[in-house]
Amino acid sequence: MAKKSGKNSGKIMKRGRIVILLRGRFAGRKAVILDVNENGNSSRNYPFALVLGLNRCPQKVTKSTSKKLLQKKIKVRPFIKYINLTHVMPTRHKTSTELGIESLIKKIEKEEESKGQDFLANLDTRIVFRKLAKTQLEKCYKELNLNSSDSTKQKL
């Protein structure tokens, strides 16, 4: 017998869930849900989520890559935006604590309390949060890249 979806059904769209965006400028890009509002509010009368995604992912780096080229290849270009929940497809994956987005989530919550619900409407705050996300993701990727290159050096 199939389970009926109702009030007791589990919520899939939770903080930390990796989703694929289906509509808009970033269609096909992967993102992480930072905050979810399933009821909507006065400015958005639909269910929405605040997502952080990568518009440009880091490229593959080899051992022979120069430091200058390495810095260019591992740059990321993140985006942060509110998106309608009908325009995202959840995956089975969740983020681990390695990404370090918890500190970013705390800063976002503090900003929402001080400036109101739609704090991303201001271009300056959006740029600030985009830079914070960029530094955090690049730092995480550098750590992963350095760890993987050490193991290849040992084999060679």
C-alpha atoms as a PDB file:
ATOM      1  CA  MET A   1       0.000   0.000   0.000  1.00  0.00           C
ATOM      2  CA  ALA A   2       1.421   3.382  -1.016  1.00  0.00           C
ATOM      3  CA  LYS A   3       2.083   5.971   1.627  1.00  0.00           C
ATOM      4  CA  LYS A   4      -0.140   9.019   1.324  1.00  0.00           C
ATOM      5  CA  SER A   5       1.514  12.390   1.358  1.00  0.00           C
ATOM      6  CA  GLY A   6      -0.003  14.667   3.929  1.00  0.00           C
ATOM      7  CA  LYS A   7       0.817  16.573   7.048  1.00  0.00           C
ATOM      8  CA  ASN A   8       3.109  13.834   8.351  1.00  0.00           C
ATOM      9  CA  SER A   9       5.174  13.472   5.193  1.00  0.00           C
ATOM     10  CA  GLY A  10       8.877  14.312   5.527  1.00  0.00           C
ATOM     11  CA  LYS A  11      10.315  17.505   4.145  1.00  0.00           C
ATOM     12  CA  ILE A  12      12.968  17.037   1.493  1.00  0.00           C
ATOM     13  CA  MET A  13      14.052  20.645   1.063  1.00  0.00           C
ATOM     14  CA  LYS A  14      16.137  21.202   4.165  1.00  0.00           C
ATOM     15  CA  ARG A  15      19.219  23.237   4.944  1.00  0.00           C
ATOM     16  CA  GLY A  16      22.318  21.653   3.419  1.00  0.00           C
ATOM     17  CA  ARG A  17      20.517  19.718   0.652  1.00  0.00           C
ATOM     18  CA  ILE A  18      22.216  19.869  -2.742  1.00  0.00           C
ATOM     19  CA  VAL A  19      19.797  20.802  -5.522  1.00  0.00           C
ATOM     20  CA  ILE A  20      19.905  21.380  -9.267  1.00  0.00           C
ATOM     21  CA  LEU A  21      18.340  24.590 -10.537  1.00  0.00           C
ATOM     22  CA  LEU A  22      15.859  24.070 -13.342  1.00  0.00           C
ATOM     23  CA  ARG A  23      14.899  27.563 -14.466  1.00  0.00           C
ATOM     24  CA  GLY A  24      16.488  30.913 -15.084  1.00  0.00           C
ATOM     25  CA  ARG A  25      19.993  32.129 -15.643  1.00  0.00           C
ATOM     26  CA  PHE A  26      21.574  29.414 -13.523  1.00  0.00           C
ATOM     27  CA  ALA A  27      19.581  26.488 -14.942  1.00  0.00           C
ATOM     28  CA  GLY A  28      21.549  23.249 -14.693  1.00  0.00           C
ATOM     29  CA  ARG A  29      23.827  24.559 -11.959  1.00  0.00           C
ATOM     30  CA  LYS A  30      24.230  22.840  -8.616  1.00  0.00           C
ATOM     31  CA  ALA A  31      23.458  24.722  -5.425  1.00  0.00           C
ATOM     32  CA  VAL A  32      23.160  24.205  -1.673  1.00  0.00           C
ATOM     33  CA  ILE A  33      20.069  25.256   0.238  1.00  0.00           C
ATOM     34  CA  LEU A  34      20.956  27.734   2.979  1.00  0.00           C
ATOM     35  CA  ASP A  35      17.466  28.637   4.175  1.00  0.00           C
ATOM     36  CA  VAL A  36      13.947  27.455   3.316  1.00  0.00           C
ATOM     37  CA  ASN A  37      10.587  29.178   3.659  1.00  0.00           C
ATOM     38  CA  GLU A  38       7.838  26.792   2.569  1.00  0.00           C
ATOM     39  CA  ASN A  39       4.932  29.141   3.281  1.00  0.00           C
ATOM     40  CA  GLY A  40       6.137  32.287   1.577  1.00  0.00           C
ATOM     41  CA  ASN A  41       5.921  35.804   2.989  1.00  0.00           C
ATOM     42  CA  SER A  42       4.536  39.213   2.102  1.00  0.00           C
ATOM     43  CA  SER A  43       7.066  39.908  -0.656  1.00  0.00           C
ATOM     44  CA  ARG A  44       7.044  36.342  -2.029  1.00  0.00           C
ATOM     45  CA  ASN A  45       3.732  34.509  -1.816  1.00  0.00           C
ATOM     46  CA  TYR A  46       5.225  31.194  -2.943  1.00  0.00           C
ATOM     47  CA  PRO A  47       7.563  28.699  -1.259  1.00  0.00           C
ATOM     48  CA  PHE A  48      11.172  29.751  -1.748  1.00  0.00           C
ATOM     49  CA  ALA A  49      14.706  28.972  -0.652  1.00  0.00           C
ATOM     50  CA  LEU A  50      17.948  30.876  -0.328  1.00  0.00           C
ATOM     51  CA  VAL A  51      20.584  28.953  -2.298  1.00  0.00           C
ATOM     52  CA  LEU A  52      24.331  29.222  -2.719  1.00  0.00           C
ATOM     53  CA  GLY A  53      25.682  27.740  -5.929  1.00  0.00           C
ATOM     54  CA  LEU A  54      28.625  27.696  -8.273  1.00  0.00           C
ATOM     55  CA  ASN A  55      28.367  29.526 -11.557  1.00  0.00           C
ATOM     56  CA  ARG A  56      31.938  28.592 -12.437  1.00  0.00           C
ATOM     57  CA  CYS A  57      33.505  25.464 -10.957  1.00  0.00           C
ATOM     58  CA  PRO A  58      37.225  24.922 -10.414  1.00  0.00           C
ATOM     59  CA  GLN A  59      39.026  23.189 -13.274  1.00  0.00           C
ATOM     60  CA  LYS A  60      41.226  20.117 -13.200  1.00  0.00           C
ATOM     61  CA  VAL A  61      44.757  20.704 -11.967  1.00  0.00           C
ATOM     62  CA  THR A  62      47.752  18.458 -12.607  1.00  0.00           C
ATOM     63  CA  LYS A  63      51.115  18.203 -10.898  1.00  0.00           C
ATOM     64  CA  SER A  64      52.897  20.053 -13.697  1.00  0.00           C
ATOM     65  CA  THR A  65      50.571  23.077 -13.475  1.00  0.00           C
ATOM     66  CA  SER A  66      52.428  26.281 -12.601  1.00  0.00           C
ATOM     67  CA  LYS A  67      51.403  28.226  -9.503  1.00  0.00           C
ATOM     68  CA  LYS A  68      50.090  31.148 -11.544  1.00  0.00           C
ATOM     69  CA  LEU A  69      47.932  28.889 -13.701  1.00  0.00           C
ATOM     70  CA  LEU A  70      46.859  26.925 -10.633  1.00  0.00           C
ATOM     71  CA  GLN A  71      45.540  30.097  -8.977  1.00  0.00           C
ATOM     72  CA  LYS A  72      43.604  30.889 -12.160  1.00  0.00           C
ATOM     73  CA  LYS A  73      42.150  27.388 -12.512  1.00  0.00           C
ATOM     74  CA  ILE A  74      40.921  26.963  -8.958  1.00  0.00           C
ATOM     75  CA  LYS A  75      38.929  30.196  -8.889  1.00  0.00           C
ATOM     76  CA  VAL A  76      35.243  29.736  -8.284  1.00  0.00           C
ATOM     77  CA  ARG A  77      32.376  32.064  -9.099  1.00  0.00           C
ATOM     78  CA  PRO A  78      29.534  31.590  -6.632  1.00  0.00           C
ATOM     79  CA  PHE A  79      26.018  33.004  -6.705  1.00  0.00           C
ATOM     80  CA  ILE A  80      23.554  33.513  -3.890  1.00  0.00           C
ATOM     81  CA  LYS A  81      19.873  34.088  -4.558  1.00  0.00           C
ATOM     82  CA  TYR A  82      16.307  33.350  -3.574  1.00  0.00           C
ATOM     83  CA  ILE A  83      14.599  30.821  -5.824  1.00  0.00           C
ATOM     84  CA  ASN A  84      11.121  29.305  -6.094  1.00  0.00           C
ATOM     85  CA  LEU A  85      11.032  25.743  -4.750  1.00  0.00           C
ATOM     86  CA  THR A  86       9.211  24.542  -7.858  1.00  0.00           C
ATOM     87  CA  HIS A  87      12.293  25.520  -9.873  1.00  0.00           C
ATOM     88  CA  VAL A  88      14.726  23.243  -8.059  1.00  0.00           C
ATOM     89  CA  MET A  89      15.262  19.496  -8.183  1.00  0.00           C
ATOM     90  CA  PRO A  90      16.587  17.982  -4.959  1.00  0.00           C
ATOM     91  CA  THR A  91      19.306  15.363  -5.092  1.00  0.00           C
ATOM     92  CA  ARG A  92      19.960  12.640  -2.567  1.00  0.00           C
ATOM     93  CA  HIS A  93      23.150  14.367  -1.446  1.00  0.00           C
ATOM     94  CA  LYS A  94      23.671  16.669   1.515  1.00  0.00           C
ATOM     95  CA  THR A  95      26.679  18.825   2.271  1.00  0.00           C
ATOM     96  CA  SER A  96      29.086  17.800   4.940  1.00  0.00           C
ATOM     97  CA  THR A  97      30.738  20.081   7.452  1.00  0.00           C
ATOM     98  CA  GLU A  98      33.843  20.308   5.242  1.00  0.00           C
ATOM     99  CA  LEU A  99      32.375  23.143   3.185  1.00  0.00           C
ATOM    100  CA  GLY A 100      32.100  25.356   6.242  1.00  0.00           C
ATOM    101  CA  ILE A 101      28.868  27.039   5.202  1.00  0.00           C
ATOM    102  CA  GLU A 102      27.632  27.069   8.805  1.00  0.00           C
ATOM    103  CA  SER A 103      29.472  30.330   9.472  1.00  0.00           C
ATOM    104  CA  LEU A 104      27.935  31.820   6.330  1.00  0.00           C
ATOM    105  CA  ILE A 105      24.465  30.709   7.438  1.00  0.00           C
ATOM    106  CA  LYS A 106      24.948  32.392  10.832  1.00  0.00           C
ATOM    107  CA  LYS A 107      25.980  35.651   9.144  1.00  0.00           C
ATOM    108  CA  ILE A 108      22.960  35.472   6.847  1.00  0.00           C
ATOM    109  CA  GLU A 109      20.593  34.926   9.783  1.00  0.00           C
ATOM    110  CA  LYS A 110      22.111  37.895  11.619  1.00  0.00           C
ATOM    111  CA  GLU A 111      21.727  40.058   8.496  1.00  0.00           C
ATOM    112  CA  GLU A 112      18.091  38.984   8.042  1.00  0.00           C
ATOM    113  CA  GLU A 113      17.289  39.960  11.619  1.00  0.00           C
ATOM    114  CA  SER A 114      18.898  43.383  11.321  1.00  0.00           C
ATOM    115  CA  LYS A 115      17.816  44.424   7.812  1.00  0.00           C
ATOM    116  CA  GLY A 116      14.613  42.494   7.296  1.00  0.00           C
ATOM    117  CA  GLN A 117      13.568  39.551   5.172  1.00  0.00           C
ATOM    118  CA  ASP A 118      14.876  40.598   1.739  1.00  0.00           C
ATOM    119  CA  PHE A 119      18.445  41.583   2.566  1.00  0.00           C
ATOM    120  CA  LEU A 120      19.751  40.471  -0.851  1.00  0.00           C
ATOM    121  CA  ALA A 121      17.836  43.294  -2.551  1.00  0.00           C
ATOM    122  CA  ASN A 122      20.771  45.541  -1.638  1.00  0.00           C
ATOM    123  CA  LEU A 123      23.583  45.042  -4.149  1.00  0.00           C
ATOM    124  CA  ASP A 124      26.328  45.787  -1.628  1.00  0.00           C
ATOM    125  CA  THR A 125      25.249  43.062   0.807  1.00  0.00           C
ATOM    126  CA  ARG A 126      24.885  40.581  -2.043  1.00  0.00           C
ATOM    127  CA  ILE A 127      28.454  41.321  -3.160  1.00  0.00           C
ATOM    128  CA  VAL A 128      29.727  40.951   0.404  1.00  0.00           C
ATOM    129  CA  PHE A 129      28.080  37.543   0.823  1.00  0.00           C
ATOM    130  CA  ARG A 130      29.275  36.434  -2.607  1.00  0.00           C
ATOM    131  CA  LYS A 131      32.866  37.309  -1.640  1.00  0.00           C
ATOM    132  CA  LEU A 132      32.500  35.476   1.680  1.00  0.00           C
ATOM    133  CA  ALA A 133      31.252  32.383  -0.117  1.00  0.00           C
ATOM    134  CA  LYS A 134      34.021  32.623  -2.705  1.00  0.00           C
ATOM    135  CA  THR A 135      36.802  32.761  -0.123  1.00  0.00           C
ATOM    136  CA  GLN A 136      35.280  29.886   1.855  1.00  0.00           C
ATOM    137  CA  LEU A 137      34.844  27.648  -1.210  1.00  0.00           C
ATOM    138  CA  GLU A 138      38.303  28.424  -2.594  1.00  0.00           C
ATOM    139  CA  LYS A 139      39.870  27.672   0.778  1.00  0.00           C
ATOM    140  CA  CYS A 140      38.028  24.359   0.945  1.00  0.00           C
ATOM    141  CA  TYR A 141      39.029  23.447  -2.615  1.00  0.00           C
ATOM    142  CA  LYS A 142      42.687  24.328  -2.016  1.00  0.00           C
ATOM    143  CA  GLU A 143      42.757  22.011   1.000  1.00  0.00           C
ATOM    144  CA  LEU A 144      41.200  19.184  -0.995  1.00  0.00           C
ATOM    145  CA  ASN A 145      43.508  19.802  -3.943  1.00  0.00           C
ATOM    146  CA  LEU A 146      46.643  19.865  -1.805  1.00  0.00           C
ATOM    147  CA  ASN A 147      45.668  16.640  -0.073  1.00  0.00           C
ATOM    148  CA  SER A 148      45.013  14.843  -3.357  1.00  0.00           C
ATOM    149  CA  SER A 149      48.268  16.067  -4.936  1.00  0.00           C
ATOM    150  CA  ASP A 150      50.294  14.760  -1.970  1.00  0.00           C
ATOM    151  CA  SER A 151      49.035  11.246  -2.578  1.00  0.00           C
ATOM    152  CA  THR A 152      49.948  11.424  -6.276  1.00  0.00           C
ATOM    153  CA  LYS A 153      53.448  12.673  -5.425  1.00  0.00           C
ATOM    154  CA  GLN A 154      53.992   9.683  -3.191  1.00  0.00           C
ATOM    155  CA  LYS A 155      53.023   7.289  -5.956  1.00  0.00           C
ATOM    156  CA  LEU A 156      55.421   8.913  -8.435  1.00  0.00           C
END
